[in-house]
All heavy atoms as atom14 arrays in JSON, in Angstrom:
{
  "sequence": "PFVDDTAVIINNIALMCNPYGNRQGEVSAIRQTLKRQLGMKVAEI",
  "atom14_mask": [
    [1, 1, 1, 1, 1, 1, 1, 0, 0, 0, 0, 0, 0, 0],
    [1, 1, 1, 1, 1, 1, 1, 1, 1, 1, 1, 0, 0, 0],
    [1, 1, 1, 1, 1, 1, 1, 0, 0, 0, 0, 0, 0, 0],
    [1, 1, 1, 1, 1, 1, 1, 1, 0, 0, 0, 0, 0, 0],
    [1, 1, 1, 1, 1, 1, 1, 1, 0, 0, 0, 0, 0, 0],
    [1, 1, 1, 1, 1, 1, 1, 0, 0, 0, 0, 0, 0, 0],
    [1, 1, 1, 1, 1, 0, 0, 0, 0, 0, 0, 0, 0, 0],
    [1, 1, 1, 1, 1, 1, 1, 0, 0, 0, 0, 0, 0, 0],
    [1, 1, 1, 1, 1, 1, 1, 1, 0, 0, 0, 0, 0, 0],
    [1, 1, 1, 1, 1, 1, 1, 1, 0, 0, 0, 0, 0, 0],
    [1, 1, 1, 1, 1, 1, 1, 1, 0, 0, 0, 0, 0, 0],
    [1, 1, 1, 1, 1, 1, 1, 1, 0, 0, 0, 0, 0, 0],
    [1, 1, 1, 1, 1, 1, 1, 1, 0, 0, 0, 0, 0, 0],
    [1, 1, 1, 1, 1, 0, 0, 0, 0, 0, 0, 0, 0, 0],
    [1, 1, 1, 1, 1, 1, 1, 1, 0, 0, 0, 0, 0, 0],
    [1, 1, 1, 1, 1, 1, 1, 1, 0, 0, 0, 0, 0, 0],
    [1, 1, 1, 1, 1, 1, 0, 0, 0, 0, 0, 0, 0, 0],
    [1, 1, 1, 1, 1, 1, 1, 1, 0, 0, 0, 0, 0, 0],
    [1, 1, 1, 1, 1, 1, 1, 0, 0, 0, 0, 0, 0, 0],
    [1, 1, 1, 1, 1, 1, 1, 1, 1, 1, 1, 1, 0, 0],
    [1, 1, 1, 1, 0, 0, 0, 0, 0, 0, 0, 0, 0, 0],
    [1, 1, 1, 1, 1, 1, 1, 1, 0, 0, 0, 0, 0, 0],
    [1, 1, 1, 1, 1, 1, 1, 1, 1, 1, 1, 0, 0, 0],
    [1, 1, 1, 1, 1, 1, 1, 1, 1, 0, 0, 0, 0, 0],
    [1, 1, 1, 1, 0, 0, 0, 0, 0, 0, 0, 0, 0, 0],
    [1, 1, 1, 1, 1, 1, 1, 1, 1, 0, 0, 0, 0, 0],
    [1, 1, 1, 1, 1, 1, 1, 0, 0, 0, 0, 0, 0, 0],
    [1, 1, 1, 1, 1, 1, 0, 0, 0, 0, 0, 0, 0, 0],
    [1, 1, 1, 1, 1, 0, 0, 0, 0, 0, 0, 0, 0, 0],
    [1, 1, 1, 1, 1, 1, 1, 1, 0, 0, 0, 0, 0, 0],
    [1, 1, 1, 1, 1, 1, 1, 1, 1, 1, 1, 0, 0, 0],
    [1, 1, 1, 1, 1, 1, 1, 1, 1, 0, 0, 0, 0, 0],
    [1, 1, 1, 1, 1, 1, 1, 0, 0, 0, 0, 0, 0, 0],
    [1, 1, 1, 1, 1, 1, 1, 1, 0, 0, 0, 0, 0, 0],
    [1, 1, 1, 1, 1, 1, 1, 1, 1, 0, 0, 0, 0, 0],
    [1, 1, 1, 1, 1, 1, 1, 1, 1, 1, 1, 0, 0, 0],
    [1, 1, 1, 1, 1, 1, 1, 1, 1, 0, 0, 0, 0, 0],
    [1, 1, 1, 1, 1, 1, 1, 1, 0, 0, 0, 0, 0, 0],
    [1, 1, 1, 1, 0, 0, 0, 0, 0, 0, 0, 0, 0, 0],
    [1, 1, 1, 1, 1, 1, 1, 1, 0, 0, 0, 0, 0, 0],
    [1, 1, 1, 1, 1, 1, 1, 1, 1, 0, 0, 0, 0, 0],
    [1, 1, 1, 1, 1, 1, 1, 0, 0, 0, 0, 0, 0, 0],
    [1, 1, 1, 1, 1, 0, 0, 0, 0, 0, 0, 0, 0, 0],
    [1, 1, 1, 1, 1, 1, 1, 1, 1, 0, 0, 0, 0, 0],
    [1, 1, 1, 1, 1, 1, 1, 1, 0, 0, 0, 0, 0, 0]
  ],
  "atom14_positions": [
    [[5.06, -13.67, 68.66], [4.08, -14.27, 67.75], [3.19, -13.25, 67.04], [2.56, -13.55, 66.04], [3.25, -15.18, 68.65], [4.15, -15.5, 69.79], [4.95, -14.25, 70.0], [0.0, 0.0, 0.0], [0.0, 0.0, 0.0], [0.0, 0.0, 0.0], [0.0, 0.0, 0.0], [0.0, 0.0, 0.0], [0.0, 0.0, 0.0], [0.0, 0.0, 0.0]],
    [[3.15, -12.0, 67.55], [2.36, -10.96, 66.92], [3.16, -10.33, 65.78], [3.5, -9.15, 65.79], [1.94, -9.9, 67.95], [1.17, -10.46, 69.12], [1.63, -10.31, 70.4], [-0.02, -11.15, 68.91], [0.92, -10.83, 71.48], [-0.74, -11.67, 69.98], [-0.27, -11.5, 71.27], [0.0, 0.0, 0.0], [0.0, 0.0, 0.0], [0.0, 0.0, 0.0]],
    [[3.47, -11.14, 64.78], [4.31, -10.69, 63.67], [3.68, -9.55, 62.88], [4.38, -8.78, 62.22], [4.69, -11.85, 62.71], [5.54, -12.88, 63.43], [3.45, -12.49, 62.11], [0.0, 0.0, 0.0], [0.0, 0.0, 0.0], [0.0, 0.0, 0.0], [0.0, 0.0, 0.0], [0.0, 0.0, 0.0], [0.0, 0.0, 0.0], [0.0, 0.0, 0.0]],
    [[2.35, -9.41, 62.95], [1.67, -8.35, 62.2], [2.03, -6.96, 62.7], [1.83, -5.97, 61.99], [0.16, -8.54, 62.23], [-0.41, -8.58, 63.65], [0.25, -9.13, 64.55], [-1.53, -8.08, 63.84], [0.0, 0.0, 0.0], [0.0, 0.0, 0.0], [0.0, 0.0, 0.0], [0.0, 0.0, 0.0], [0.0, 0.0, 0.0], [0.0, 0.0, 0.0]],
    [[2.59, -6.85, 63.9], [2.99, -5.54, 64.44], [4.29, -5.03, 63.86], [4.63, -3.87, 64.01], [3.14, -5.61, 65.96], [1.81, -5.69, 66.69], [0.79, -5.28, 66.11], [1.81, -6.15, 67.84], [0.0, 0.0, 0.0], [0.0, 0.0, 0.0], [0.0, 0.0, 0.0], [0.0, 0.0, 0.0], [0.0, 0.0, 0.0], [0.0, 0.0, 0.0]],
    [[5.06, -5.88, 63.2], [6.44, -5.55, 62.85], [6.63, -4.9, 61.48], [7.66, -4.27, 61.25], [7.32, -6.8, 62.92], [6.83, -7.77, 61.99], [7.36, -7.39, 64.32], [0.0, 0.0, 0.0], [0.0, 0.0, 0.0], [0.0, 0.0, 0.0], [0.0, 0.0, 0.0], [0.0, 0.0, 0.0], [0.0, 0.0, 0.0], [0.0, 0.0, 0.0]],
    [[5.68, -5.05, 60.57], [5.85, -4.49, 59.22], [4.49, -4.23, 58.57], [3.53, -4.94, 58.83], [6.67, -5.43, 58.35], [0.0, 0.0, 0.0], [0.0, 0.0, 0.0], [0.0, 0.0, 0.0], [0.0, 0.0, 0.0], [0.0, 0.0, 0.0], [0.0, 0.0, 0.0], [0.0, 0.0, 0.0], [0.0, 0.0, 0.0], [0.0, 0.0, 0.0]],
    [[4.47, -3.22, 57.71], [3.34, -2.97, 56.83], [3.84, -3.3, 55.43], [4.83, -2.72, 54.97], [2.87, -1.5, 56.89], [1.77, -1.23, 55.88], [2.41, -1.15, 58.31], [0.0, 0.0, 0.0], [0.0, 0.0, 0.0], [0.0, 0.0, 0.0], [0.0, 0.0, 0.0], [0.0, 0.0, 0.0], [0.0, 0.0, 0.0], [0.0, 0.0, 0.0]],
    [[3.2, -4.25, 54.76], [3.69, -4.73, 53.47], [2.62, -4.49, 52.4], [1.5, -4.99, 52.52], [4.05, -6.22, 53.53], [5.08, -6.47, 54.62], [4.56, -6.7, 52.17], [5.31, -7.92, 54.95], [0.0, 0.0, 0.0], [0.0, 0.0, 0.0], [0.0, 0.0, 0.0], [0.0, 0.0, 0.0], [0.0, 0.0, 0.0], [0.0, 0.0, 0.0]],
    [[3.0, -3.72, 51.39], [2.12, -3.45, 50.26], [2.98, -3.45, 48.99], [4.02, -2.78, 48.95], [1.39, -2.09, 50.41], [0.54, -2.08, 51.69], [0.53, -1.78, 49.18], [-0.05, -0.73, 52.04], [0.0, 0.0, 0.0], [0.0, 0.0, 0.0], [0.0, 0.0, 0.0], [0.0, 0.0, 0.0], [0.0, 0.0, 0.0], [0.0, 0.0, 0.0]],
    [[2.54, -4.19, 48.0], [3.22, -4.21, 46.68], [4.72, -4.51, 46.78], [5.55, -3.84, 46.17], [3.01, -2.89, 45.95], [1.55, -2.64, 45.6], [0.78, -3.59, 45.5], [1.18, -1.4, 45.44], [0.0, 0.0, 0.0], [0.0, 0.0, 0.0], [0.0, 0.0, 0.0], [0.0, 0.0, 0.0], [0.0, 0.0, 0.0], [0.0, 0.0, 0.0]],
    [[5.07, -5.51, 47.57], [6.45, -5.98, 47.72], [7.38, -4.96, 48.38], [8.59, -5.04, 48.25], [7.02, -6.44, 46.37], [8.04, -7.54, 46.56], [7.87, -8.42, 47.4], [9.11, -7.49, 45.79], [0.0, 0.0, 0.0], [0.0, 0.0, 0.0], [0.0, 0.0, 0.0], [0.0, 0.0, 0.0], [0.0, 0.0, 0.0], [0.0, 0.0, 0.0]],
    [[6.8, -3.98, 49.07], [7.58, -3.03, 49.88], [7.15, -3.23, 51.32], [5.95, -3.23, 51.63], [7.33, -1.57, 49.45], [7.77, -1.36, 48.01], [8.04, -0.6, 50.39], [7.37, -0.01, 47.44], [0.0, 0.0, 0.0], [0.0, 0.0, 0.0], [0.0, 0.0, 0.0], [0.0, 0.0, 0.0], [0.0, 0.0, 0.0], [0.0, 0.0, 0.0]],
    [[8.13, -3.39, 52.19], [7.85, -3.59, 53.62], [8.35, -2.38, 54.4], [9.55, -2.08, 54.38], [8.55, -4.85, 54.12], [0.0, 0.0, 0.0], [0.0, 0.0, 0.0], [0.0, 0.0, 0.0], [0.0, 0.0, 0.0], [0.0, 0.0, 0.0], [0.0, 0.0, 0.0], [0.0, 0.0, 0.0], [0.0, 0.0, 0.0], [0.0, 0.0, 0.0]],
    [[7.43, -1.68, 55.04], [7.81, -0.61, 55.97], [7.97, -1.26, 57.34], [7.0, -1.79, 57.91], [6.74, 0.48, 56.02], [6.92, 1.55, 57.11], [8.25, 2.29, 56.92], [5.75, 2.52, 57.1], [0.0, 0.0, 0.0], [0.0, 0.0, 0.0], [0.0, 0.0, 0.0], [0.0, 0.0, 0.0], [0.0, 0.0, 0.0], [0.0, 0.0, 0.0]],
    [[9.2, -1.24, 57.85], [9.46, -1.83, 59.14], [8.93, -0.91, 60.22], [9.18, 0.29, 60.21], [10.97, -2.09, 59.33], [11.57, -2.98, 58.24], [10.62, -4.47, 57.83], [10.61, -5.34, 59.38], [0.0, 0.0, 0.0], [0.0, 0.0, 0.0], [0.0, 0.0, 0.0], [0.0, 0.0, 0.0], [0.0, 0.0, 0.0], [0.0, 0.0, 0.0]],
    [[8.17, -1.46, 61.14], [7.49, -0.66, 62.15], [8.38, -0.42, 63.36], [9.48, -0.96, 63.49], [6.21, -1.37, 62.57], [5.0, -1.46, 61.23], [0.0, 0.0, 0.0], [0.0, 0.0, 0.0], [0.0, 0.0, 0.0], [0.0, 0.0, 0.0], [0.0, 0.0, 0.0], [0.0, 0.0, 0.0], [0.0, 0.0, 0.0], [0.0, 0.0, 0.0]],
    [[7.87, 0.41, 64.22], [8.52, 0.73, 65.49], [7.48, 0.44, 66.58], [6.87, 1.35, 67.11], [8.93, 2.21, 65.49], [9.74, 2.57, 66.7], [10.19, 1.7, 67.44], [9.92, 3.85, 66.93], [0.0, 0.0, 0.0], [0.0, 0.0, 0.0], [0.0, 0.0, 0.0], [0.0, 0.0, 0.0], [0.0, 0.0, 0.0], [0.0, 0.0, 0.0]],
    [[7.25, -0.85, 66.86], [6.17, -1.19, 67.79], [6.47, -0.76, 69.21], [7.62, -0.52, 69.59], [6.06, -2.71, 67.67], [7.3, -3.17, 67.07], [7.92, -2.02, 66.33], [0.0, 0.0, 0.0], [0.0, 0.0, 0.0], [0.0, 0.0, 0.0], [0.0, 0.0, 0.0], [0.0, 0.0, 0.0], [0.0, 0.0, 0.0], [0.0, 0.0, 0.0]],
    [[5.42, -0.71, 69.97], [5.44, -0.3, 71.37], [6.37, -1.18, 72.2], [6.43, -2.39, 72.01], [4.01, -0.38, 71.92], [3.87, -0.05, 73.37], [3.9, 1.27, 73.79], [3.69, -1.05, 74.31], [3.76, 1.59, 75.13], [3.54, -0.75, 75.65], [3.58, 0.58, 76.05], [3.45, 0.89, 77.38], [0.0, 0.0, 0.0], [0.0, 0.0, 0.0]],
    [[7.09, -0.55, 73.1], [7.93, -1.29, 74.03], [9.25, -1.71, 73.4], [9.69, -1.2, 72.38], [0.0, 0.0, 0.0], [0.0, 0.0, 0.0], [0.0, 0.0, 0.0], [0.0, 0.0, 0.0], [0.0, 0.0, 0.0], [0.0, 0.0, 0.0], [0.0, 0.0, 0.0], [0.0, 0.0, 0.0], [0.0, 0.0, 0.0], [0.0, 0.0, 0.0]],
    [[9.88, -2.67, 74.03], [11.19, -3.15, 73.6], [11.03, -4.33, 72.64], [11.28, -5.46, 72.99], [12.02, -3.56, 74.84], [13.42, -3.96, 74.48], [13.91, -3.62, 73.4], [14.07, -4.68, 75.35], [0.0, 0.0, 0.0], [0.0, 0.0, 0.0], [0.0, 0.0, 0.0], [0.0, 0.0, 0.0], [0.0, 0.0, 0.0], [0.0, 0.0, 0.0]],
    [[10.62, -4.02, 71.41], [10.31, -5.1, 70.45], [11.19, -5.04, 69.21], [10.89, -5.69, 68.21], [8.83, -5.03, 70.08], [7.93, -5.25, 71.29], [6.48, -5.24, 70.94], [6.16, -6.35, 70.05], [5.02, -6.44, 69.39], [4.09, -5.53, 69.51], [4.79, -7.46, 68.59], [0.0, 0.0, 0.0], [0.0, 0.0, 0.0], [0.0, 0.0, 0.0]],
    [[12.26, -4.27, 69.23], [13.09, -4.14, 68.03], [13.73, -5.46, 67.62], [13.98, -5.68, 66.44], [14.15, -3.05, 68.22], [13.55, -1.65, 68.19], [12.7, -1.4, 66.96], [13.13, -1.59, 65.83], [11.45, -1.0, 67.18], [0.0, 0.0, 0.0], [0.0, 0.0, 0.0], [0.0, 0.0, 0.0], [0.0, 0.0, 0.0], [0.0, 0.0, 0.0]],
    [[13.98, -6.36, 68.57], [14.51, -7.68, 68.2], [13.52, -8.44, 67.32], [13.92, -9.17, 66.42], [0.0, 0.0, 0.0], [0.0, 0.0, 0.0], [0.0, 0.0, 0.0], [0.0, 0.0, 0.0], [0.0, 0.0, 0.0], [0.0, 0.0, 0.0], [0.0, 0.0, 0.0], [0.0, 0.0, 0.0], [0.0, 0.0, 0.0], [0.0, 0.0, 0.0]],
    [[12.23, -8.27, 67.57], [11.2, -8.9, 66.74], [11.24, -8.32, 65.33], [11.12, -9.04, 64.34], [9.82, -8.67, 67.34], [9.6, -9.3, 68.69], [8.3, -8.86, 69.31], [7.29, -8.78, 68.59], [8.29, -8.6, 70.53], [0.0, 0.0, 0.0], [0.0, 0.0, 0.0], [0.0, 0.0, 0.0], [0.0, 0.0, 0.0], [0.0, 0.0, 0.0]],
    [[11.39, -7.0, 65.25], [11.43, -6.33, 63.94], [12.63, -6.81, 63.14], [12.52, -7.07, 61.94], [11.44, -4.79, 64.12], [11.63, -4.08, 62.79], [10.16, -4.32, 64.8], [0.0, 0.0, 0.0], [0.0, 0.0, 0.0], [0.0, 0.0, 0.0], [0.0, 0.0, 0.0], [0.0, 0.0, 0.0], [0.0, 0.0, 0.0], [0.0, 0.0, 0.0]],
    [[13.77, -6.98, 63.8], [14.98, -7.43, 63.12], [14.8, -8.81, 62.49], [15.23, -9.03, 61.36], [16.16, -7.47, 64.1], [16.46, -6.17, 64.54], [0.0, 0.0, 0.0], [0.0, 0.0, 0.0], [0.0, 0.0, 0.0], [0.0, 0.0, 0.0], [0.0, 0.0, 0.0], [0.0, 0.0, 0.0], [0.0, 0.0, 0.0], [0.0, 0.0, 0.0]],
    [[14.16, -9.72, 63.21], [13.95, -11.07, 62.67], [13.05, -11.03, 61.44], [13.32, -11.72, 60.44], [13.34, -11.97, 63.75], [0.0, 0.0, 0.0], [0.0, 0.0, 0.0], [0.0, 0.0, 0.0], [0.0, 0.0, 0.0], [0.0, 0.0, 0.0], [0.0, 0.0, 0.0], [0.0, 0.0, 0.0], [0.0, 0.0, 0.0], [0.0, 0.0, 0.0]],
    [[12.02, -10.22, 61.48], [11.11, -10.11, 60.33], [11.82, -9.42, 59.16], [11.69, -9.83, 58.01], [9.82, -9.36, 60.72], [9.06, -10.13, 61.8], [8.95, -9.1, 59.5], [8.55, -11.5, 61.38], [0.0, 0.0, 0.0], [0.0, 0.0, 0.0], [0.0, 0.0, 0.0], [0.0, 0.0, 0.0], [0.0, 0.0, 0.0], [0.0, 0.0, 0.0]],
    [[12.57, -8.36, 59.45], [13.32, -7.65, 58.41], [14.23, -8.62, 57.64], [14.23, -8.64, 56.41], [14.17, -6.53, 59.02], [14.99, -5.74, 58.01], [15.94, -4.73, 58.66], [15.21, -3.66, 59.32], [15.13, -3.5, 60.64], [15.74, -4.36, 61.46], [14.46, -2.51, 61.15], [0.0, 0.0, 0.0], [0.0, 0.0, 0.0], [0.0, 0.0, 0.0]],
    [[14.96, -9.44, 58.35], [15.86, -10.4, 57.71], [15.09, -11.39, 56.85], [15.5, -11.7, 55.74], [16.68, -11.15, 58.77], [17.7, -10.29, 59.46], [18.4, -11.04, 60.58], [18.19, -12.23, 60.8], [19.25, -10.33, 61.3], [0.0, 0.0, 0.0], [0.0, 0.0, 0.0], [0.0, 0.0, 0.0], [0.0, 0.0, 0.0], [0.0, 0.0, 0.0]],
    [[13.96, -11.87, 57.35], [13.15, -12.81, 56.58], [12.62, -12.17, 55.3], [12.68, -12.77, 54.22], [11.98, -13.33, 57.44], [12.52, -14.01, 58.57], [11.09, -14.28, 56.66], [0.0, 0.0, 0.0], [0.0, 0.0, 0.0], [0.0, 0.0, 0.0], [0.0, 0.0, 0.0], [0.0, 0.0, 0.0], [0.0, 0.0, 0.0], [0.0, 0.0, 0.0]],
    [[12.12, -10.97, 55.41], [11.55, -10.28, 54.24], [12.62, -10.01, 53.19], [12.37, -10.17, 51.99], [10.87, -8.98, 54.66], [9.64, -9.15, 55.56], [9.15, -7.78, 56.04], [8.54, -9.92, 54.86], [0.0, 0.0, 0.0], [0.0, 0.0, 0.0], [0.0, 0.0, 0.0], [0.0, 0.0, 0.0], [0.0, 0.0, 0.0], [0.0, 0.0, 0.0]],
    [[13.8, -9.6, 53.63], [14.89, -9.31, 52.69], [15.45, -10.58, 52.06], [15.54, -10.71, 50.85], [16.03, -8.58, 53.41], [15.85, -7.11, 53.55], [17.12, -6.54, 54.23], [17.12, -5.05, 54.26], [18.32, -4.52, 54.93], [0.0, 0.0, 0.0], [0.0, 0.0, 0.0], [0.0, 0.0, 0.0], [0.0, 0.0, 0.0], [0.0, 0.0, 0.0]],
    [[15.86, -11.51, 52.92], [16.61, -12.68, 52.45], [15.74, -13.74, 51.79], [16.11, -14.29, 50.76], [17.38, -13.3, 53.6], [18.5, -12.41, 54.09], [19.28, -13.06, 55.19], [20.27, -12.13, 55.7], [20.84, -12.23, 56.88], [20.52, -13.23, 57.67], [21.72, -11.35, 57.27], [0.0, 0.0, 0.0], [0.0, 0.0, 0.0], [0.0, 0.0, 0.0]],
    [[14.6, -14.03, 52.38], [13.79, -15.12, 51.86], [12.78, -14.67, 50.81], [12.41, -15.45, 49.95], [13.08, -15.87, 53.0], [14.09, -16.62, 53.87], [13.41, -17.43, 54.94], [12.55, -16.96, 55.65], [13.82, -18.69, 55.05], [0.0, 0.0, 0.0], [0.0, 0.0, 0.0], [0.0, 0.0, 0.0], [0.0, 0.0, 0.0], [0.0, 0.0, 0.0]],
    [[12.33, -13.43, 50.89], [11.33, -12.96, 49.95], [11.84, -11.88, 48.99], [11.13, -11.5, 48.07], [10.09, -12.45, 50.7], [9.37, -13.51, 51.54], [8.2, -12.89, 52.28], [8.92, -14.67, 50.67], [0.0, 0.0, 0.0], [0.0, 0.0, 0.0], [0.0, 0.0, 0.0], [0.0, 0.0, 0.0], [0.0, 0.0, 0.0], [0.0, 0.0, 0.0]],
    [[13.04, -11.38, 49.23], [13.63, -10.37, 48.35], [12.84, -9.07, 48.29], [12.85, -8.37, 47.28], [0.0, 0.0, 0.0], [0.0, 0.0, 0.0], [0.0, 0.0, 0.0], [0.0, 0.0, 0.0], [0.0, 0.0, 0.0], [0.0, 0.0, 0.0], [0.0, 0.0, 0.0], [0.0, 0.0, 0.0], [0.0, 0.0, 0.0], [0.0, 0.0, 0.0]],
    [[12.17, -8.73, 49.37], [11.37, -7.5, 49.4], [12.24, -6.27, 49.58], [13.3, -6.32, 50.2], [10.35, -7.53, 50.53], [9.2, -8.43, 50.28], [7.92, -8.15, 51.51], [6.72, -9.3, 50.89], [0.0, 0.0, 0.0], [0.0, 0.0, 0.0], [0.0, 0.0, 0.0], [0.0, 0.0, 0.0], [0.0, 0.0, 0.0], [0.0, 0.0, 0.0]],
    [[11.76, -5.16, 49.05], [12.37, -3.87, 49.33], [11.92, -3.48, 50.74], [10.74, -3.58, 51.07], [11.89, -2.82, 48.33], [12.45, -1.45, 48.58], [11.94, -0.44, 47.58], [12.46, 0.94, 47.96], [11.84, 1.98, 47.15], [0.0, 0.0, 0.0], [0.0, 0.0, 0.0], [0.0, 0.0, 0.0], [0.0, 0.0, 0.0], [0.0, 0.0, 0.0]],
    [[12.86, -3.07, 51.56], [12.57, -2.75, 52.95], [12.77, -1.26, 53.18], [13.82, -0.71, 52.83], [13.45, -3.57, 53.91], [13.29, -3.11, 55.34], [13.13, -5.06, 53.78], [0.0, 0.0, 0.0], [0.0, 0.0, 0.0], [0.0, 0.0, 0.0], [0.0, 0.0, 0.0], [0.0, 0.0, 0.0], [0.0, 0.0, 0.0], [0.0, 0.0, 0.0]],
    [[11.76, -0.61, 53.72], [11.83, 0.81, 54.08], [11.82, 0.91, 55.61], [11.25, 0.06, 56.29], [10.63, 1.56, 53.5], [0.0, 0.0, 0.0], [0.0, 0.0, 0.0], [0.0, 0.0, 0.0], [0.0, 0.0, 0.0], [0.0, 0.0, 0.0], [0.0, 0.0, 0.0], [0.0, 0.0, 0.0], [0.0, 0.0, 0.0], [0.0, 0.0, 0.0]],
    [[12.46, 1.94, 56.1], [12.56, 2.13, 57.55], [11.78, 3.38, 57.97], [11.55, 4.28, 57.18], [14.04, 2.28, 57.97], [14.92, 1.1, 57.6], [14.6, -0.19, 58.35], [13.99, -0.12, 59.44], [14.97, -1.27, 57.86], [0.0, 0.0, 0.0], [0.0, 0.0, 0.0], [0.0, 0.0, 0.0], [0.0, 0.0, 0.0], [0.0, 0.0, 0.0]],
    [[11.41, 3.43, 59.24], [10.77, 4.62, 59.82], [11.73, 5.79, 59.64], [12.91, 5.68, 59.99], [10.46, 4.38, 61.32], [9.41, 3.3, 61.51], [10.08, 5.68, 62.02], [8.01, 3.7, 61.13], [0.0, 0.0, 0.0], [0.0, 0.0, 0.0], [0.0, 0.0, 0.0], [0.0, 0.0, 0.0], [0.0, 0.0, 0.0], [0.0, 0.0, 0.0]]
  ]
}
């Protein structure tokens, strides 16, 4: 539920984060949503 930990979004660019612990599955779900539903440009660490 702490979706704010998974990405930094500014000007339609989303930097996918690398949050603490084993949370990459959370990042993947947000990445897919940002790309597919919002058409955002996604940047990686």
